[in-house]
Amino acid sequence: MIQAVIFDWAGTTVDYGCFAPVQAFQEAFAHHGVPVTLEETRKPMGMLKRDHIRTMLRMERIARAWEETHGRPAGEEDVEAVYALFEPKLFSILDRFSTPKPFAVETAAALREMGLKIGSTTGYTDSMMHIVAPKAARLGYAPDFWISPDGVGGRGRPDPYMIFENLKALEVPSVKNAVKVGDTVSDIREGVNAGVWSVGVIEGSSVLGLSQTEYEALTPEERRDVCRRAEETFRAAGAHFVLNDLSQLPELIRMIG
């Protein structure tokens, strides 16, 4: 029997399209003379932010461009240099990207009415969450528990440790009694590695990579196409289930049992 749902934050319950970190990453890399694409930026989304930068610097095109621009391969000092620009940029815009996504508030309320507890994990740090969580709470979304990679010694996604801390805090006796819901490949792998049910949500996700205005402007055929591709990405990462939006989650929980 499912006793808890563990949500991701940006792109899943807040920040439709997961745009805050994307904007900050792109500006930080551009400052160092290596512009990066949306696709490159979104690929590691959901990881601890330093790990995200480290992963991007190892991508073949970015690694080559960095070496051409700076005359040497990227190293740990470059991870820190990019992060030093990324963090203040993200802090400057986080408050504007903490609004709950459609159905997040209503779905959390419905899950609580079903007797479930609400947990959460994130790729943000504690300091970032001290901006995001209070703003989301003022707008109606407040899980029972949240933890960042800071709370598990920096071992963020796809490692399972943040989920394990949720299970401990929420007093869930078995991984079989929990569902993880997220919008990135890292989210799905985190759930799979923890042994819980792992669920991807398409609309407003980083995998989809569209703003709400862009998504709603698509024709029905275009929507089917982009949603199909997003579902394939989640399935390939190991997702047990894929939802179009959060409104479908309570029914899924009832189906799982």
Protein backbone atom coordinates (compact mmCIF):
# COMPACT_ATOMS: atom_id res chain seq x y z
CA MET A 1 0.00 0.00 0.00
CA ILE A 2 1.36 3.40 -0.97
CA GLN A 3 1.94 5.61 2.07
CA ALA A 4 4.00 8.49 0.65
CA VAL A 5 4.64 10.38 -2.57
CA ILE A 6 8.05 12.00 -2.94
CA PHE A 7 8.04 14.86 -5.43
CA ASP A 8 10.81 16.73 -7.16
CA TRP A 9 10.60 20.54 -7.12
CA ALA A 10 11.57 22.58 -10.22
CA GLY A 11 9.79 21.26 -13.31
CA THR A 12 7.59 18.90 -11.27
CA THR A 13 5.73 20.90 -8.62
CA VAL A 14 7.05 24.44 -9.26
CA ASP A 15 8.69 26.37 -12.13
CA TYR A 16 6.80 25.15 -15.20
CA GLY A 17 9.41 24.03 -17.73
CA CYS A 18 12.25 24.21 -15.18
CA PHE A 19 13.61 27.48 -16.54
CA ALA A 20 15.37 29.05 -13.54
CA PRO A 21 18.46 26.79 -13.54
CA VAL A 22 18.57 26.65 -17.35
CA GLN A 23 18.85 30.42 -17.59
CA ALA A 24 21.51 30.59 -14.88
CA PHE A 25 23.61 27.77 -16.39
CA GLN A 26 23.54 29.29 -19.86
CA GLU A 27 24.58 32.72 -18.64
CA ALA A 28 27.40 31.27 -16.52
CA PHE A 29 28.88 29.28 -19.41
CA ALA A 30 28.49 32.18 -21.84
CA HIS A 31 30.43 34.42 -19.45
CA HIS A 32 33.36 31.99 -19.78
CA GLY A 33 33.22 32.17 -23.57
CA VAL A 34 31.51 28.82 -24.14
CA PRO A 35 27.84 29.25 -25.07
CA VAL A 36 25.76 26.12 -24.46
CA THR A 37 22.52 24.95 -26.02
CA LEU A 38 19.22 24.28 -24.29
CA GLU A 39 19.56 20.56 -25.04
CA GLU A 40 23.04 20.41 -23.52
CA THR A 41 21.91 22.35 -20.48
CA ARG A 42 18.85 20.22 -19.82
CA LYS A 43 20.47 16.80 -20.27
CA PRO A 44 21.89 16.53 -16.70
CA MET A 45 18.95 18.39 -15.12
CA GLY A 46 17.99 17.24 -11.65
CA MET A 47 21.55 16.62 -10.47
CA LEU A 48 23.33 18.55 -7.72
CA LYS A 49 24.31 21.78 -9.45
CA ARG A 50 28.09 21.30 -9.24
CA ASP A 51 27.62 17.76 -10.61
CA HIS A 52 25.48 19.27 -13.37
CA ILE A 53 28.27 21.66 -14.37
CA ARG A 54 30.87 18.89 -14.14
CA THR A 55 28.74 16.69 -16.43
CA MET A 56 28.32 19.48 -18.97
CA LEU A 57 32.06 20.17 -19.04
CA ARG A 58 32.61 16.50 -19.92
CA MET A 59 30.23 16.60 -22.90
CA GLU A 60 32.26 16.18 -26.07
CA ARG A 61 31.32 19.44 -27.79
CA ILE A 62 31.53 21.56 -24.64
CA ALA A 63 34.83 19.97 -23.59
CA ARG A 64 36.30 20.71 -27.02
CA ALA A 65 34.97 24.27 -27.04
CA TRP A 66 36.31 24.89 -23.53
CA GLU A 67 39.79 23.66 -24.50
CA GLU A 68 39.77 25.77 -27.67
CA THR A 69 38.69 28.86 -25.74
CA HIS A 70 40.90 28.47 -22.67
CA GLY A 71 43.86 26.57 -24.11
CA ARG A 72 43.48 23.60 -21.76
CA PRO A 73 40.95 20.94 -20.78
CA ALA A 74 38.39 21.90 -18.15
CA GLY A 75 39.27 20.90 -14.59
CA GLU A 76 37.77 21.16 -11.12
CA GLU A 77 38.82 24.80 -10.86
CA ASP A 78 36.63 25.47 -13.89
CA VAL A 79 33.67 23.69 -12.29
CA GLU A 80 34.05 26.09 -9.37
CA ALA A 81 34.50 29.09 -11.67
CA VAL A 82 31.27 28.36 -13.54
CA TYR A 83 29.43 27.61 -10.28
CA ALA A 84 30.65 30.91 -8.80
CA LEU A 85 28.70 32.70 -11.53
CA PHE A 86 25.79 30.27 -11.66
CA GLU A 87 24.84 30.45 -7.98
CA PRO A 88 24.33 34.22 -7.58
CA LYS A 89 22.48 34.36 -10.90
CA LEU A 90 20.14 31.61 -9.76
CA PHE A 91 19.60 33.24 -6.37
CA SER A 92 18.66 36.49 -8.12
CA ILE A 93 15.80 34.86 -10.05
CA LEU A 94 14.66 31.92 -7.88
CA ASP A 95 11.84 33.83 -6.23
CA ARG A 96 10.26 34.39 -9.65
CA PHE A 97 10.41 30.67 -10.48
CA SER A 98 8.84 29.20 -7.33
CA THR A 99 5.20 29.30 -8.39
CA PRO A 100 3.41 25.92 -8.13
CA LYS A 101 2.65 24.24 -11.45
CA PRO A 102 -0.91 23.52 -12.54
CA PHE A 103 -2.50 20.79 -10.39
CA ALA A 104 0.37 20.74 -7.82
CA VAL A 105 -1.63 22.30 -4.99
CA GLU A 106 -4.81 20.37 -5.74
CA THR A 107 -3.00 17.07 -6.17
CA ALA A 108 -1.09 17.42 -2.90
CA ALA A 109 -4.41 18.11 -1.13
CA ALA A 110 -6.05 15.11 -2.78
CA LEU A 111 -3.17 12.84 -1.76
CA ARG A 112 -3.41 14.03 1.84
CA GLU A 113 -7.16 13.31 1.79
CA MET A 114 -6.20 9.78 0.77
CA GLY A 115 -4.02 9.57 3.88
CA LEU A 116 -0.67 9.89 2.12
CA LYS A 117 2.36 11.84 3.28
CA ILE A 118 4.15 14.25 0.93
CA GLY A 119 7.94 14.22 0.71
CA SER A 120 10.38 15.81 -1.70
CA THR A 121 13.92 15.79 -3.07
CA THR A 122 15.73 18.38 -5.17
CA GLY A 123 18.87 19.27 -7.06
CA TYR A 124 18.87 22.66 -5.33
CA THR A 125 21.00 23.32 -2.25
CA ASP A 126 19.61 24.15 1.19
CA SER A 127 20.21 27.86 0.59
CA MET A 128 18.26 27.74 -2.66
CA MET A 129 15.43 25.81 -1.03
CA HIS A 130 15.18 28.45 1.70
CA ILE A 131 13.96 30.73 -1.10
CA VAL A 132 11.85 28.24 -3.08
CA ALA A 133 10.03 26.40 -0.27
CA PRO A 134 8.64 29.46 1.59
CA LYS A 135 7.45 31.08 -1.66
CA ALA A 136 5.73 27.87 -2.79
CA ALA A 137 4.16 27.50 0.67
CA ARG A 138 2.72 31.01 0.49
CA LEU A 139 1.15 29.99 -2.81
CA GLY A 140 -0.35 26.79 -1.41
CA TYR A 141 2.22 24.01 -1.91
CA ALA A 142 4.13 22.72 1.13
CA PRO A 143 5.30 19.10 1.42
CA ASP A 144 5.70 17.45 4.81
CA PHE A 145 9.44 17.08 4.28
CA TRP A 146 12.16 18.25 1.93
CA ILE A 147 15.85 17.50 1.70
CA SER A 148 18.59 18.66 -0.64
CA PRO A 149 21.92 16.99 -1.49
CA ASP A 150 23.38 19.06 1.38
CA GLY A 151 21.55 16.76 3.78
CA VAL A 152 23.18 13.59 2.39
CA GLY A 153 26.79 14.68 2.14
CA GLY A 154 26.40 16.02 -1.39
CA ARG A 155 25.29 12.63 -2.75
CA GLY A 156 22.49 13.91 -4.96
CA ARG A 157 20.70 12.24 -7.84
CA PRO A 158 20.80 9.70 -9.27
CA ASP A 159 21.96 8.31 -5.90
CA PRO A 160 18.99 7.17 -3.76
CA TYR A 161 19.97 8.70 -0.42
CA MET A 162 17.58 11.67 -0.43
CA ILE A 163 14.70 9.25 -0.95
CA PHE A 164 15.90 7.09 1.92
CA GLU A 165 15.94 10.17 4.18
CA ASN A 166 12.36 10.88 3.12
CA LEU A 167 11.30 7.37 4.03
CA LYS A 168 12.95 7.73 7.42
CA ALA A 169 11.47 11.16 8.16
CA LEU A 170 7.99 10.18 6.97
CA GLU A 171 8.15 6.81 8.77
CA VAL A 172 7.50 4.75 5.65
CA PRO A 173 8.46 1.13 6.43
CA SER A 174 9.35 -0.10 2.94
CA VAL A 175 10.44 1.23 -0.44
CA LYS A 176 7.41 -0.64 -1.81
CA ASN A 177 5.19 1.88 -0.02
CA ALA A 178 6.53 4.98 -1.77
CA VAL A 179 6.27 6.67 -5.16
CA LYS A 180 8.83 9.13 -6.57
CA VAL A 181 7.53 11.70 -9.08
CA GLY A 182 9.86 13.81 -11.20
CA ASP A 183 10.45 15.55 -14.50
CA THR A 184 14.04 14.57 -15.39
CA VAL A 185 16.02 11.46 -16.21
CA SER A 186 17.92 11.98 -12.93
CA ASP A 187 14.61 11.91 -11.04
CA ILE A 188 13.61 8.63 -12.62
CA ARG A 189 16.98 7.03 -11.95
CA GLU A 190 16.89 8.26 -8.36
CA GLY A 191 13.58 6.44 -7.86
CA VAL A 192 14.77 3.30 -9.61
CA ASN A 193 17.99 3.21 -7.58
CA ALA A 194 15.99 3.59 -4.36
CA GLY A 195 13.66 0.74 -5.29
CA VAL A 196 10.48 2.85 -5.12
CA TRP A 197 7.87 3.29 -7.84
CA SER A 198 9.32 5.85 -10.27
CA VAL A 199 6.95 8.15 -12.17
CA GLY A 200 7.65 10.77 -14.83
CA VAL A 201 5.37 13.75 -15.42
CA ILE A 202 5.39 15.28 -18.90
CA GLU A 203 3.67 18.68 -18.91
CA GLY A 204 5.91 21.43 -17.59
CA SER A 205 8.88 19.06 -17.36
CA SER A 206 12.51 19.76 -18.10
CA VAL A 207 12.43 16.81 -20.49
CA LEU A 208 9.69 18.54 -22.49
CA GLY A 209 11.51 21.86 -22.16
CA LEU A 210 8.60 24.15 -23.09
CA SER A 211 7.00 27.06 -21.29
CA GLN A 212 3.28 26.83 -20.58
CA THR A 213 2.60 29.36 -23.34
CA GLU A 214 4.69 27.38 -25.84
CA TYR A 215 3.02 24.10 -24.90
CA GLU A 216 -0.51 25.49 -25.11
CA ALA A 217 0.26 27.00 -28.53
CA LEU A 218 0.99 23.56 -30.02
CA THR A 219 -1.54 21.85 -32.24
CA PRO A 220 -3.02 18.59 -30.92
CA GLU A 221 -0.77 16.64 -33.30
CA GLU A 222 2.32 18.55 -32.15
CA ARG A 223 1.41 17.93 -28.51
CA ARG A 224 1.06 14.20 -29.12
CA ASP A 225 4.45 14.16 -30.83
CA VAL A 226 6.40 16.03 -28.12
CA CYS A 227 4.64 14.12 -25.34
CA ARG A 228 5.43 10.81 -27.00
CA ARG A 229 9.12 11.72 -27.21
CA ALA A 230 9.13 12.79 -23.55
CA GLU A 231 7.47 9.54 -22.50
CA GLU A 232 10.06 7.55 -24.44
CA THR A 233 12.82 9.42 -22.58
CA PHE A 234 11.26 8.63 -19.20
CA ARG A 235 10.66 4.98 -20.12
CA ALA A 236 14.23 4.58 -21.33
CA ALA A 237 15.42 5.85 -17.94
CA GLY A 238 13.38 3.16 -16.20
CA ALA A 239 10.11 4.90 -15.31
CA HIS A 240 7.41 2.51 -14.13
CA PHE A 241 4.68 4.97 -15.13
CA VAL A 242 4.46 8.23 -17.10
CA LEU A 243 1.72 10.80 -16.52
CA ASN A 244 0.66 13.67 -18.72
CA ASP A 245 0.15 15.94 -15.71
CA LEU A 246 -0.11 15.81 -11.92
CA SER A 247 -3.90 15.64 -11.93
CA GLN A 248 -3.60 11.98 -12.97
CA LEU A 249 -1.48 11.02 -9.94
CA PRO A 250 -4.22 10.21 -7.37
CA GLU A 251 -5.82 7.72 -9.75
CA LEU A 252 -2.43 6.12 -10.39
CA ILE A 253 -1.87 5.76 -6.64
CA ARG A 254 -5.24 4.04 -6.30
CA MET A 255 -4.32 1.69 -9.14
CA ILE A 256 -0.98 0.76 -7.58
CA GLY A 257 -2.79 0.09 -4.32
